[in-house]
């Protein structure tokens, strides 16, 4: 499924280098494309996935459901998550109704945060 070239996903309330406490609120920003729950096929929409400590992802297949690949198939635009103390990377990835990333890929920059 395609996405408009101008589509972008980003963190609203977090930035690279932030020091936070757990649980933390993560707000998902999106522009140029809409949100639809998993299982709902609608052009120019998708749902959010939060990648926690993921270095690489194969964008040609459905995303797995693990502690590292967190799905928000209900169409959520924010989530309160628990993370262990230490340094973590976070990245947002938009995927279609079947959890397959769009092409072109709609992915945020990968940020590093520290949980106290």
N, C-alpha and C. Protein backbone atom coordinates (compact mmCIF):
# COMPACT_ATOMS: atom_id res chain seq x y z
N UNK A 1 0.86 -1.19 0.00
CA UNK A 1 0.00 0.00 0.00
C UNK A 1 0.89 1.23 0.00
N UNK A 2 0.54 2.19 -0.81
CA UNK A 2 1.34 3.39 -0.91
C UNK A 2 0.94 4.45 0.09
N UNK A 3 1.81 5.38 0.27
CA UNK A 3 1.55 6.55 1.12
C UNK A 3 2.02 7.77 0.34
N UNK A 4 1.38 8.92 0.56
CA UNK A 4 1.84 10.13 -0.13
C UNK A 4 3.31 10.42 0.22
N UNK A 5 4.04 10.92 -0.76
CA UNK A 5 5.46 11.21 -0.54
C UNK A 5 5.67 12.20 0.60
N UNK A 6 4.68 13.08 0.84
CA UNK A 6 4.83 14.09 1.90
C UNK A 6 4.45 13.57 3.29
N UNK A 7 4.01 12.31 3.37
CA UNK A 7 3.59 11.76 4.67
C UNK A 7 4.78 11.69 5.61
N UNK A 8 4.53 11.99 6.89
CA UNK A 8 5.59 11.95 7.90
C UNK A 8 5.00 11.57 9.24
N UNK A 9 5.81 10.86 10.04
CA UNK A 9 5.45 10.50 11.40
C UNK A 9 6.58 10.99 12.30
N UNK A 10 6.22 11.46 13.48
CA UNK A 10 7.22 12.07 14.36
C UNK A 10 6.74 12.00 15.80
N UNK A 11 7.69 12.19 16.73
CA UNK A 11 7.36 12.26 18.15
C UNK A 11 6.94 13.68 18.48
N UNK A 12 5.78 13.84 19.12
CA UNK A 12 5.29 15.16 19.49
C UNK A 12 6.00 15.67 20.74
N UNK A 13 6.14 14.81 21.74
CA UNK A 13 6.57 15.26 23.06
C UNK A 13 7.94 14.73 23.49
N UNK A 14 8.65 14.06 22.61
CA UNK A 14 9.98 13.55 22.95
C UNK A 14 10.97 13.99 21.89
N UNK A 15 12.22 14.15 22.33
CA UNK A 15 13.27 14.46 21.37
C UNK A 15 14.54 13.70 21.75
N UNK A 16 15.44 13.59 20.81
CA UNK A 16 16.69 12.88 21.02
C UNK A 16 17.41 13.46 22.24
N UNK A 17 17.85 12.57 23.13
CA UNK A 17 18.60 13.00 24.31
C UNK A 17 17.77 13.25 25.55
N UNK A 18 16.44 13.16 25.44
CA UNK A 18 15.58 13.40 26.61
C UNK A 18 15.88 12.40 27.73
N UNK A 19 15.76 12.88 28.97
CA UNK A 19 15.83 12.04 30.16
C UNK A 19 14.42 12.00 30.73
N UNK A 20 13.87 10.80 30.92
CA UNK A 20 12.47 10.63 31.29
C UNK A 20 12.34 9.64 32.45
N UNK A 21 11.14 9.54 32.99
CA UNK A 21 10.84 8.51 33.98
C UNK A 21 9.78 7.59 33.40
N UNK A 22 9.76 6.36 33.89
CA UNK A 22 8.79 5.37 33.42
C UNK A 22 7.71 5.19 34.47
N UNK A 23 6.44 5.07 34.06
CA UNK A 23 5.98 5.02 32.67
C UNK A 23 6.03 6.40 32.02
N UNK A 24 6.20 6.41 30.71
CA UNK A 24 6.25 7.68 30.00
C UNK A 24 5.18 7.74 28.94
N UNK A 25 4.69 8.95 28.70
CA UNK A 25 3.70 9.19 27.67
C UNK A 25 4.44 9.44 26.36
N UNK A 26 4.05 8.73 25.33
CA UNK A 26 4.61 8.93 23.99
C UNK A 26 3.47 9.38 23.09
N UNK A 27 3.62 10.57 22.52
CA UNK A 27 2.60 11.11 21.62
C UNK A 27 3.10 11.00 20.17
N UNK A 28 2.23 10.42 19.32
CA UNK A 28 2.59 10.15 17.93
C UNK A 28 2.05 11.25 17.04
N UNK A 29 2.93 11.92 16.30
CA UNK A 29 2.52 12.94 15.36
C UNK A 29 2.50 12.38 13.94
N UNK A 30 1.59 12.91 13.14
CA UNK A 30 1.41 12.40 11.79
C UNK A 30 0.95 13.54 10.89
N UNK A 31 1.52 13.61 9.68
CA UNK A 31 1.01 14.59 8.72
C UNK A 31 1.04 14.00 7.32
N UNK A 32 0.07 14.42 6.52
CA UNK A 32 0.00 13.99 5.13
C UNK A 32 -0.68 12.66 4.92
N UNK A 33 -1.14 12.03 5.99
CA UNK A 33 -1.80 10.74 5.90
C UNK A 33 -2.67 10.59 7.15
N UNK A 34 -3.69 9.75 7.10
CA UNK A 34 -4.61 9.61 8.22
C UNK A 34 -4.37 8.34 9.02
N UNK A 35 -5.09 8.23 10.12
CA UNK A 35 -5.01 7.05 10.98
C UNK A 35 -6.28 6.22 10.80
N UNK A 36 -6.10 4.92 10.65
CA UNK A 36 -7.22 3.97 10.61
C UNK A 36 -6.80 2.73 11.40
N UNK A 37 -7.71 2.12 12.11
CA UNK A 37 -7.36 0.92 12.89
C UNK A 37 -6.87 -0.22 12.00
N UNK A 38 -6.11 -1.14 12.60
CA UNK A 38 -5.68 -2.34 11.89
C UNK A 38 -6.91 -3.07 11.37
N UNK A 39 -6.79 -3.66 10.20
CA UNK A 39 -7.89 -4.41 9.61
C UNK A 39 -8.81 -3.56 8.75
N UNK A 40 -8.68 -2.23 8.84
CA UNK A 40 -9.51 -1.33 8.03
C UNK A 40 -8.67 -0.84 6.85
N UNK A 41 -9.04 -1.27 5.66
CA UNK A 41 -8.30 -0.88 4.46
C UNK A 41 -8.89 0.40 3.89
N UNK A 42 -8.12 1.47 3.99
CA UNK A 42 -8.57 2.76 3.50
C UNK A 42 -7.34 3.48 2.94
N UNK A 43 -7.49 4.02 1.75
CA UNK A 43 -6.37 4.69 1.09
C UNK A 43 -5.81 5.82 1.95
N UNK A 44 -4.48 5.95 1.90
CA UNK A 44 -3.75 7.03 2.60
C UNK A 44 -3.97 7.03 4.11
N UNK A 45 -4.09 5.83 4.69
CA UNK A 45 -4.17 5.71 6.15
C UNK A 45 -3.25 4.58 6.61
N UNK A 46 -3.07 4.54 7.91
CA UNK A 46 -2.30 3.47 8.53
C UNK A 46 -2.45 3.58 10.03
N UNK A 47 -1.72 2.75 10.75
CA UNK A 47 -1.72 2.86 12.22
C UNK A 47 -0.28 2.80 12.71
N UNK A 48 -0.09 3.32 13.93
CA UNK A 48 1.25 3.50 14.48
C UNK A 48 1.83 2.22 15.05
N UNK A 49 3.15 2.13 14.94
CA UNK A 49 3.95 1.10 15.59
C UNK A 49 5.12 1.81 16.24
N UNK A 50 5.40 1.45 17.48
CA UNK A 50 6.54 2.03 18.21
C UNK A 50 7.62 0.96 18.27
N UNK A 51 8.78 1.29 17.71
CA UNK A 51 9.91 0.39 17.72
C UNK A 51 10.82 0.77 18.88
N UNK A 52 11.00 -0.15 19.81
CA UNK A 52 11.81 0.08 21.01
C UNK A 52 13.08 -0.75 20.89
N UNK A 53 14.21 -0.08 20.85
CA UNK A 53 15.51 -0.74 20.76
C UNK A 53 15.61 -1.67 19.55
N UNK A 54 15.10 -1.19 18.41
CA UNK A 54 15.15 -1.94 17.15
C UNK A 54 16.15 -1.26 16.23
N UNK A 55 17.18 -2.00 15.81
CA UNK A 55 18.21 -1.43 14.94
C UNK A 55 17.81 -1.47 13.47
N UNK A 56 17.11 -2.55 13.06
CA UNK A 56 16.71 -2.72 11.66
C UNK A 56 15.32 -3.33 11.60
N UNK A 57 14.64 -3.03 10.52
CA UNK A 57 13.31 -3.62 10.31
C UNK A 57 13.16 -3.94 8.82
N UNK A 58 12.60 -5.11 8.53
CA UNK A 58 12.32 -5.47 7.14
C UNK A 58 10.96 -4.88 6.80
N UNK A 59 10.96 -3.85 5.98
CA UNK A 59 9.72 -3.11 5.68
C UNK A 59 8.88 -3.78 4.60
N UNK A 60 9.27 -4.97 4.16
CA UNK A 60 8.52 -5.67 3.13
C UNK A 60 7.58 -6.73 3.68
N UNK A 61 7.58 -6.91 5.00
CA UNK A 61 6.76 -7.93 5.64
C UNK A 61 5.98 -7.35 6.80
N UNK A 62 4.92 -8.05 7.23
CA UNK A 62 4.17 -7.57 8.41
C UNK A 62 5.10 -7.47 9.62
N UNK A 63 4.88 -6.44 10.42
CA UNK A 63 5.71 -6.23 11.61
C UNK A 63 5.33 -7.26 12.68
N UNK A 64 6.33 -7.81 13.37
CA UNK A 64 6.03 -8.76 14.44
C UNK A 64 5.41 -8.03 15.63
N UNK A 65 4.78 -8.78 16.50
CA UNK A 65 4.24 -8.22 17.74
C UNK A 65 5.11 -8.74 18.88
N UNK A 66 5.97 -7.86 19.40
CA UNK A 66 6.87 -8.21 20.50
C UNK A 66 7.00 -6.99 21.40
N UNK A 67 7.78 -7.11 22.47
CA UNK A 67 8.04 -5.96 23.32
C UNK A 67 8.80 -4.87 22.56
N UNK A 68 9.50 -5.26 21.50
CA UNK A 68 10.26 -4.29 20.72
C UNK A 68 9.44 -3.66 19.60
N UNK A 69 8.43 -4.37 19.13
CA UNK A 69 7.54 -3.87 18.09
C UNK A 69 6.15 -3.74 18.70
N UNK A 70 5.82 -2.54 19.13
CA UNK A 70 4.55 -2.33 19.84
C UNK A 70 3.52 -1.77 18.86
N UNK A 71 2.42 -2.49 18.74
CA UNK A 71 1.36 -2.15 17.79
C UNK A 71 0.27 -1.30 18.45
N UNK A 72 -0.21 -0.33 17.71
CA UNK A 72 -1.32 0.51 18.16
C UNK A 72 -2.42 0.45 17.10
N UNK A 73 -2.90 -0.78 16.91
CA UNK A 73 -3.86 -1.09 15.86
C UNK A 73 -5.26 -0.55 16.11
N UNK A 74 -5.49 0.01 17.30
CA UNK A 74 -6.78 0.62 17.57
C UNK A 74 -6.86 2.04 17.04
N UNK A 75 -5.78 2.51 16.42
CA UNK A 75 -5.74 3.87 15.91
C UNK A 75 -5.27 4.88 16.94
N UNK A 76 -4.65 4.41 18.02
CA UNK A 76 -4.19 5.31 19.07
C UNK A 76 -3.14 6.29 18.53
N UNK A 77 -3.16 7.50 19.09
CA UNK A 77 -2.18 8.52 18.71
C UNK A 77 -1.26 8.88 19.87
N UNK A 78 -1.40 8.15 20.99
CA UNK A 78 -0.47 8.28 22.10
C UNK A 78 -0.58 7.02 22.95
N UNK A 79 0.44 6.81 23.77
CA UNK A 79 0.44 5.64 24.65
C UNK A 79 1.33 5.91 25.85
N UNK A 80 0.97 5.32 26.98
CA UNK A 80 1.82 5.34 28.17
C UNK A 80 2.54 4.00 28.20
N UNK A 81 3.87 4.04 28.17
CA UNK A 81 4.64 2.81 28.11
C UNK A 81 5.60 2.70 29.28
N UNK A 82 5.91 1.46 29.63
CA UNK A 82 6.88 1.15 30.68
C UNK A 82 8.20 0.79 30.00
N UNK A 83 9.28 1.38 30.48
CA UNK A 83 10.61 1.02 30.02
C UNK A 83 11.52 0.87 31.22
N UNK A 84 12.43 -0.09 31.16
CA UNK A 84 13.39 -0.29 32.24
C UNK A 84 14.37 0.87 32.25
N UNK A 85 14.94 1.18 33.44
CA UNK A 85 15.96 2.23 33.50
C UNK A 85 17.11 1.93 32.53
N UNK A 86 17.65 3.00 31.97
CA UNK A 86 18.77 2.86 31.03
C UNK A 86 18.50 3.63 29.76
N UNK A 87 19.33 3.37 28.76
CA UNK A 87 19.25 4.05 27.47
C UNK A 87 18.44 3.19 26.50
N UNK A 88 17.53 3.84 25.78
CA UNK A 88 16.68 3.15 24.81
C UNK A 88 16.58 3.97 23.54
N UNK A 89 16.37 3.28 22.41
CA UNK A 89 16.04 3.97 21.17
C UNK A 89 14.56 3.78 20.90
N UNK A 90 13.95 4.82 20.35
CA UNK A 90 12.53 4.80 19.98
C UNK A 90 12.41 5.28 18.54
N UNK A 91 11.50 4.66 17.81
CA UNK A 91 11.23 5.07 16.44
C UNK A 91 9.78 4.73 16.12
N UNK A 92 9.12 5.61 15.39
CA UNK A 92 7.74 5.37 14.97
C UNK A 92 7.72 4.90 13.52
N UNK A 93 6.82 3.97 13.23
CA UNK A 93 6.68 3.44 11.88
C UNK A 93 5.19 3.27 11.61
N UNK A 94 4.73 3.85 10.52
CA UNK A 94 3.33 3.70 10.12
C UNK A 94 3.20 2.47 9.23
N UNK A 95 2.15 1.68 9.46
CA UNK A 95 1.93 0.50 8.62
C UNK A 95 0.46 0.42 8.25
N UNK A 96 0.18 -0.39 7.24
CA UNK A 96 -1.18 -0.49 6.70
C UNK A 96 -2.06 -1.42 7.55
N UNK A 97 -3.23 -1.70 7.03
CA UNK A 97 -4.21 -2.52 7.73
C UNK A 97 -3.72 -3.93 8.06
N UNK A 98 -2.66 -4.39 7.34
CA UNK A 98 -2.08 -5.71 7.59
C UNK A 98 -0.73 -5.63 8.30
N UNK A 99 -0.42 -4.49 8.90
CA UNK A 99 0.83 -4.27 9.63
C UNK A 99 2.06 -4.26 8.73
N UNK A 100 1.86 -4.00 7.45
CA UNK A 100 2.97 -3.91 6.51
C UNK A 100 3.30 -2.43 6.29
N UNK A 101 4.56 -2.02 6.48
CA UNK A 101 4.92 -0.61 6.26
C UNK A 101 4.59 -0.15 4.84
N UNK A 102 4.24 1.11 4.75
CA UNK A 102 3.94 1.72 3.45
C UNK A 102 5.22 1.87 2.63
N UNK A 103 5.02 2.03 1.31
CA UNK A 103 6.14 2.36 0.42
C UNK A 103 5.70 3.57 -0.37
N UNK A 104 6.36 4.73 -0.29
CA UNK A 104 7.57 4.92 0.51
C UNK A 104 7.29 4.78 2.01
N UNK A 105 8.33 4.34 2.72
CA UNK A 105 8.21 4.08 4.16
C UNK A 105 7.96 5.39 4.91
N UNK A 106 7.01 5.35 5.85
CA UNK A 106 6.68 6.50 6.69
C UNK A 106 7.21 6.17 8.09
N UNK A 107 8.43 6.66 8.36
CA UNK A 107 9.15 6.32 9.59
C UNK A 107 9.78 7.57 10.17
N UNK A 108 9.74 7.68 11.49
CA UNK A 108 10.36 8.82 12.15
C UNK A 108 11.87 8.62 12.25
N UNK A 109 12.56 9.67 12.67
CA UNK A 109 13.96 9.49 13.02
C UNK A 109 14.01 8.60 14.26
N UNK A 110 15.12 7.90 14.45
CA UNK A 110 15.31 7.09 15.66
C UNK A 110 15.93 8.01 16.71
N UNK A 111 15.26 8.09 17.86
CA UNK A 111 15.79 8.93 18.93
C UNK A 111 16.29 8.05 20.07
N UNK A 112 17.20 8.59 20.85
CA UNK A 112 17.72 7.91 22.03
C UNK A 112 17.27 8.68 23.26
N UNK A 113 16.69 7.95 24.21
CA UNK A 113 16.25 8.56 25.47
C UNK A 113 16.89 7.77 26.62
N UNK A 114 16.93 8.41 27.78
CA UNK A 114 17.43 7.75 28.97
C UNK A 114 16.31 7.72 29.99
N UNK A 115 16.03 6.53 30.51
CA UNK A 115 15.01 6.36 31.55
C UNK A 115 15.73 6.31 32.89
N UNK A 116 15.31 7.21 33.80
CA UNK A 116 15.94 7.26 35.12
C UNK A 116 15.46 6.13 35.99
